[in-house]
Protein backbone atom coordinates (compact mmCIF):
# COMPACT_ATOMS: atom_id res chain seq x y z
CA ARG A 1 156.79 88.90 247.91
CA LEU A 2 156.54 87.71 252.14
CA GLU A 3 157.08 90.94 253.18
CA ALA A 4 153.72 91.10 251.91
CA LEU A 5 152.49 88.82 253.04
CA SER A 6 150.29 87.94 256.11
CA ILE A 7 148.87 84.72 257.13
CA VAL A 8 144.91 84.54 257.31
CA THR A 9 144.37 82.54 260.80
CA GLU A 10 139.99 82.69 260.67
CA THR A 11 138.30 80.99 258.48
CA PRO A 12 136.01 83.22 256.10
CA LYS A 13 131.61 83.24 258.14
CA ASN A 14 129.24 81.26 256.45
CA ASP A 15 126.83 83.67 256.45
CA GLY A 16 126.64 83.05 252.59
CA ARG A 17 128.55 84.95 250.89
CA ILE A 18 131.69 85.11 248.77
CA TYR A 19 134.78 86.06 250.79
CA PHE A 20 138.37 84.50 250.33
CA GLY A 21 138.59 80.31 251.05
CA SER A 22 135.80 79.92 249.17
CA THR A 23 134.58 77.34 246.90
CA VAL A 24 132.00 78.50 244.22
CA THR A 25 130.03 76.63 241.63
CA LEU A 26 128.38 79.26 238.59
CA GLU A 27 127.09 78.66 235.39
CA ASP A 28 127.60 80.45 232.85
CA GLU A 29 124.94 81.41 229.79
CA ASN A 30 125.65 78.56 228.57
CA GLY A 31 124.78 76.91 230.84
CA GLU A 32 127.42 75.44 231.22
CA SER A 33 128.77 75.07 234.94
CA VAL A 34 132.92 75.55 236.99
CA ARG A 35 133.60 75.44 239.89
CA TYR A 36 136.43 78.08 241.88
CA ARG A 37 138.05 78.30 245.06
CA ILE A 38 139.87 81.57 245.34
CA VAL A 39 142.95 81.61 246.82
CA GLY A 40 145.72 84.06 247.52
CA PRO A 41 147.68 85.53 244.38
CA ASP A 42 150.99 83.06 244.86
CA GLU A 43 149.12 79.96 245.31
CA TRP A 44 146.69 79.24 242.32
CA ASP A 45 146.53 76.21 239.82
CA SER A 46 143.89 76.54 236.96
CA SER A 47 143.79 72.69 237.18
CA ARG A 48 142.71 72.48 240.56
CA GLY A 49 139.75 74.84 239.36
CA GLU A 50 141.50 77.80 242.03
CA ILE A 51 141.93 81.25 240.95
CA SER A 52 143.62 84.52 242.61
CA VAL A 53 141.57 86.66 244.65
CA GLU A 54 142.85 89.03 242.60
CA SER A 55 141.40 88.06 239.11
CA PRO A 56 138.79 89.84 237.59
CA VAL A 57 136.08 86.64 238.46
CA ALA A 58 137.35 86.87 241.42
CA LYS A 59 136.92 90.46 242.19
CA ALA A 60 133.45 89.94 240.80
CA LEU A 61 131.66 87.71 243.24
CA LEU A 62 133.24 88.91 246.43
CA GLY A 63 130.61 89.99 248.71
CA LYS A 64 127.90 88.20 246.33
CA GLN A 65 126.08 85.41 247.63
CA ALA A 66 123.78 82.59 245.66
CA GLY A 67 121.35 83.87 243.21
CA ASP A 68 123.76 86.57 242.26
CA ASP A 69 124.18 87.52 239.22
CA ILE A 70 127.78 88.78 237.80
CA GLU A 71 129.35 89.99 234.71
CA VAL A 72 133.31 89.62 234.14
CA GLN A 73 135.01 90.94 231.19
CA LEU A 74 137.16 87.80 230.50
CA PRO A 75 139.69 87.71 226.85
CA GLY A 76 136.63 86.10 224.67
CA GLY A 77 134.68 89.06 226.18
CA GLN A 78 131.86 90.20 228.33
CA THR A 79 130.29 87.49 230.50
CA CYS A 80 127.55 86.75 232.90
CA PHE A 81 127.39 84.28 235.60
CA LEU A 82 124.87 82.72 237.97
CA ILE A 83 126.68 81.67 241.52
CA VAL A 84 124.83 78.96 241.88
CA LYS A 85 126.58 77.50 245.08
CA VAL A 86 128.44 79.43 247.97
CA GLU A 87 130.62 76.76 250.03
CA VAL A 88 132.69 77.72 252.97
CA PRO A 89 136.53 75.85 254.39
CA ALA A 90 135.21 73.31 257.58
CA GLU A 91 136.62 75.29 260.73
């Protein structure tokens, strides 16, 4: 996979939208919060709150912003999340 990798040197824009590298706080339909950082497909570690940019949740989040709702098909069924907070890495 090394030949398919590309190095990202710039940080995401800080325009309130969700990009690769963003950390996102979500609230589910039961009012429970979860926090994810969107990372590369070879970097994710759920114990650190990281999800792959190729995951269904990350794909639904990209380009959205705080206040938006997303619907995602998870193993337990269709789930709706409210995007509560979007953080981008410091430059």
